[in-house]
Amino acid sequence: MHEQDWQENKPDDSKLEDTCRFDTLIGLIRKHDPSIVFDIGCGSGVLGRKIKAWKSKVVLHACDISETALERAMACFEKAWKTDLDSENIPAESSQYDVVVCSEVFEHIYDVNHLLREVNRLLKPVGVGLLTVPNVCYWRYRLDILLGRLPIPMNDDRHIHQFTREHFGKKLHNAGLTIQAVRGCRIRLPWLATWKPTVFSDTLVFEVKKATP
């Protein structure tokens, strides 16, 4: 399904370049000023190219399930692996990365808990995870349900899971990760997403670290 999606629905990156979550992620990556980053579910490398445009010396590693996407992404990554996150561990060394990004991936896989443990494994002891998930509690999605309609995330055949802040937060805790901050992102009236992301953002951005032993 994902291979077909990249081949037929995403022949180029024109629909992805202006996605506001990438701007939010780049802002957070700049704040932490990493030397080495892992992008889980890198797609065609839109975020990777934005990171390199900011700081060309950042070492970027990545994985994705789609060969089509990886072929387009390879130019901006020093290492990239084709990985099925439901059946394989990520083929990278443990405790190596300053920042691990996993954006709009968790809803597409069966074993969310396994992937969160992999995020924990890849992070350095002081590393930061930047994870995004669709927010099913977004106000428009709540309205859709009241009107008897399926919200966009629930009506996407590629989506296996739905998330709220509390639901995803419990999974983070069980994987040994602690939440440092939760942000939203939106193009219009961005201050609303900053003020109350769980209501006014369709995407939640979690900044996490390893739990203190």
Protein backbone atom coordinates (compact mmCIF):
# COMPACT_ATOMS: atom_id res chain seq x y z
CA MET A 1 0.00 0.00 0.00
CA HIS A 2 2.74 2.47 0.92
CA GLU A 3 4.78 1.69 -2.18
CA GLN A 4 1.73 2.27 -4.35
CA ASP A 5 0.98 5.50 -2.49
CA TRP A 6 4.43 6.90 -3.27
CA GLN A 7 4.30 5.79 -6.88
CA GLU A 8 0.78 6.97 -7.74
CA ASN A 9 -0.16 9.74 -5.29
CA LYS A 10 3.21 11.36 -4.56
CA PRO A 11 5.11 11.50 -7.86
CA ASP A 12 6.96 14.58 -6.54
CA ASP A 13 7.21 16.52 -3.28
CA SER A 14 4.98 19.45 -4.23
CA LYS A 15 2.27 18.40 -1.75
CA LEU A 16 4.79 17.99 1.07
CA GLU A 17 7.16 20.94 0.86
CA ASP A 18 4.85 23.43 2.59
CA THR A 19 3.58 21.09 5.31
CA CYS A 20 3.67 23.14 8.52
CA ARG A 21 4.86 20.25 10.72
CA PHE A 22 8.20 20.32 8.89
CA ASP A 23 8.67 23.96 9.88
CA THR A 24 7.86 23.08 13.49
CA LEU A 25 10.31 20.17 13.43
CA ILE A 26 13.08 22.24 11.86
CA GLY A 27 12.63 24.88 14.55
CA LEU A 28 13.02 22.25 17.27
CA ILE A 29 16.00 20.62 15.54
CA ARG A 30 17.72 24.00 15.29
CA LYS A 31 17.12 24.56 18.99
CA HIS A 32 18.91 21.33 19.92
CA ASP A 33 21.70 21.83 17.33
CA PRO A 34 22.40 18.11 16.76
CA SER A 35 25.45 16.59 15.11
CA ILE A 36 23.72 13.35 14.11
CA VAL A 37 20.02 12.74 13.40
CA PHE A 38 17.92 9.68 12.57
CA ASP A 39 14.73 10.18 10.54
CA ILE A 40 12.38 7.19 11.00
CA GLY A 41 9.96 6.94 8.08
CA CYS A 42 11.89 9.54 6.11
CA GLY A 43 9.73 9.30 2.99
CA SER A 44 11.28 11.12 0.05
CA GLY A 45 13.61 13.14 2.28
CA VAL A 46 11.76 16.46 2.52
CA LEU A 47 12.77 16.95 6.15
CA GLY A 48 16.29 15.70 5.48
CA ARG A 49 16.80 18.30 2.75
CA LYS A 50 15.51 21.04 5.04
CA ILE A 51 17.96 19.95 7.75
CA LYS A 52 20.86 19.95 5.30
CA ALA A 53 19.84 23.39 4.03
CA TRP A 54 20.10 24.64 7.61
CA LYS A 55 23.33 22.85 8.54
CA SER A 56 25.08 20.85 5.84
CA LYS A 57 27.47 19.12 8.27
CA VAL A 58 24.70 17.33 10.19
CA VAL A 59 25.02 13.56 9.72
CA LEU A 60 21.66 12.14 8.66
CA HIS A 61 20.59 8.50 8.83
CA ALA A 62 17.12 7.25 7.94
CA CYS A 63 14.81 4.37 7.16
CA ASP A 64 11.55 3.85 5.29
CA ILE A 65 9.49 0.94 4.01
CA SER A 66 9.14 2.32 0.47
CA GLU A 67 11.90 1.75 -2.07
CA THR A 68 10.41 4.47 -4.26
CA ALA A 69 10.61 7.03 -1.47
CA LEU A 70 14.13 5.99 -0.50
CA GLU A 71 15.38 6.33 -4.07
CA ARG A 72 14.31 9.99 -3.97
CA ALA A 73 15.67 10.51 -0.46
CA MET A 74 19.13 8.94 -0.74
CA ALA A 75 20.91 12.10 -1.86
CA CYS A 76 20.50 13.80 1.52
CA PHE A 77 21.30 10.86 3.82
CA GLU A 78 24.68 9.38 4.64
CA LYS A 79 22.97 6.06 5.44
CA ALA A 80 19.43 4.86 4.73
CA TRP A 81 17.80 1.46 5.15
CA LYS A 82 14.65 -0.13 3.78
CA THR A 83 12.95 -1.30 6.99
CA ASP A 84 9.60 -2.84 7.83
CA LEU A 85 9.02 -1.36 11.29
CA ASP A 86 6.40 -3.98 12.12
CA SER A 87 8.74 -6.94 11.69
CA GLU A 88 12.28 -5.54 11.97
CA ASN A 89 14.42 -3.55 14.35
CA ILE A 90 16.02 -0.45 12.88
CA PRO A 91 19.51 -1.47 11.65
CA ALA A 92 21.38 1.29 13.47
CA GLU A 93 23.56 1.38 16.57
CA SER A 94 22.02 2.05 19.97
CA SER A 95 22.54 5.32 21.89
CA GLN A 96 24.06 7.05 18.85
CA TYR A 97 21.72 9.92 17.93
CA ASP A 98 21.32 13.44 19.28
CA VAL A 99 17.86 13.69 17.71
CA VAL A 100 15.49 10.98 16.49
CA VAL A 101 12.58 12.19 14.36
CA CYS A 102 9.51 10.05 13.68
CA SER A 103 6.84 12.10 11.96
CA GLU A 104 3.43 10.78 10.88
CA VAL A 105 4.55 7.14 11.10
CA PHE A 106 2.95 5.73 14.25
CA GLU A 107 -0.56 5.70 12.80
CA HIS A 108 0.62 3.53 9.89
CA ILE A 109 2.16 0.62 11.82
CA TYR A 110 0.74 -2.19 13.93
CA ASP A 111 3.23 -2.27 16.81
CA VAL A 112 3.49 1.30 18.12
CA ASN A 113 5.08 0.12 21.35
CA HIS A 114 7.94 -1.59 19.50
CA LEU A 115 8.68 1.55 17.50
CA LEU A 116 8.73 3.71 20.63
CA ARG A 117 11.21 1.31 22.23
CA GLU A 118 13.35 1.65 19.10
CA VAL A 119 13.25 5.46 19.44
CA ASN A 120 14.43 5.06 23.03
CA ARG A 121 17.20 2.67 21.97
CA LEU A 122 18.58 4.95 19.26
CA LEU A 123 18.72 8.08 21.44
CA LYS A 124 21.83 9.12 23.28
CA PRO A 125 21.26 9.43 27.06
CA VAL A 126 20.71 13.18 26.58
CA GLY A 127 19.17 12.88 23.12
CA VAL A 128 15.77 14.22 22.08
CA GLY A 129 12.95 12.49 20.24
CA LEU A 130 10.66 14.57 18.04
CA LEU A 131 7.52 12.57 17.32
CA THR A 132 4.32 13.61 15.58
CA VAL A 133 0.90 11.96 15.42
CA PRO A 134 -2.50 13.01 14.06
CA ASN A 135 -4.71 14.45 16.80
CA VAL A 136 -8.14 12.85 16.72
CA CYS A 137 -9.35 15.44 19.29
CA TYR A 138 -8.84 18.35 16.87
CA TRP A 139 -11.99 20.50 17.04
CA ARG A 140 -13.01 19.87 13.44
CA TYR A 141 -12.71 16.12 13.94
CA ARG A 142 -14.89 16.36 17.06
CA LEU A 143 -17.47 18.23 14.99
CA ASP A 144 -17.30 15.60 12.26
CA ILE A 145 -18.13 12.87 14.77
CA LEU A 146 -21.05 14.89 16.18
CA LEU A 147 -22.38 15.24 12.63
CA GLY A 148 -22.02 11.52 11.98
CA ARG A 149 -19.00 11.82 9.70
CA LEU A 150 -15.66 10.04 9.97
CA PRO A 151 -12.79 12.51 10.54
CA ILE A 152 -10.00 12.49 7.99
CA PRO A 153 -7.55 10.37 10.07
CA MET A 154 -10.19 7.70 10.66
CA ASN A 155 -11.21 7.70 7.00
CA ASP A 156 -7.69 7.01 5.70
CA ASP A 157 -7.17 3.34 4.77
CA ARG A 158 -3.47 3.69 5.59
CA HIS A 159 -4.18 4.58 9.23
CA ILE A 160 -4.25 1.71 11.71
CA HIS A 161 -4.24 3.73 14.96
CA GLN A 162 -5.78 6.94 16.26
CA PHE A 163 -4.21 9.09 18.97
CA THR A 164 -4.98 11.64 21.64
CA ARG A 165 -2.37 13.38 23.79
CA GLU A 166 -3.19 11.23 26.81
CA HIS A 167 -3.28 7.96 24.87
CA PHE A 168 0.08 8.55 23.19
CA GLY A 169 1.53 9.88 26.44
CA LYS A 170 0.84 6.57 28.18
CA LYS A 171 2.61 4.69 25.40
CA LEU A 172 5.60 7.01 25.71
CA HIS A 173 5.76 6.37 29.45
CA ASN A 174 5.60 2.60 28.94
CA ALA A 175 8.49 2.84 26.46
CA GLY A 176 10.70 4.67 28.97
CA LEU A 177 10.25 8.13 27.43
CA THR A 178 9.18 11.33 29.18
CA ILE A 179 7.40 14.27 27.58
CA GLN A 180 9.27 17.56 27.64
CA ALA A 181 6.69 19.51 25.65
CA VAL A 182 3.68 19.02 23.36
CA ARG A 183 3.13 21.45 20.51
CA GLY A 184 0.68 21.93 17.69
CA CYS A 185 1.13 23.38 14.23
CA ARG A 186 -1.20 25.18 11.87
CA ILE A 187 -0.78 27.62 8.98
CA ARG A 188 -3.67 29.94 9.85
CA LEU A 189 -3.78 31.52 13.31
CA PRO A 190 -0.75 29.57 14.58
CA TRP A 191 -1.12 31.10 18.06
CA LEU A 192 -4.19 28.89 18.58
CA ALA A 193 -2.09 25.75 18.17
CA THR A 194 0.47 27.19 20.56
CA TRP A 195 -2.19 28.05 23.13
CA LYS A 196 -4.11 24.74 23.10
CA PRO A 197 -2.68 22.20 20.65
CA THR A 198 -4.96 19.36 21.74
CA VAL A 199 -7.97 21.33 20.46
CA PHE A 200 -6.67 23.60 17.70
CA SER A 201 -4.06 21.48 15.92
CA ASP A 202 -4.70 18.43 13.77
CA THR A 203 -1.14 17.29 14.47
CA LEU A 204 0.59 16.92 17.84
CA VAL A 205 4.37 17.30 18.10
CA PHE A 206 5.91 15.56 21.11
CA GLU A 207 9.38 16.48 22.35
CA VAL A 208 10.60 13.56 24.48
CA LYS A 209 13.67 12.31 26.31
CA LYS A 210 14.74 9.08 27.96
CA ALA A 211 13.21 8.68 31.40
CA THR A 212 15.66 9.16 34.28
CA PRO A 213 16.56 5.76 35.77
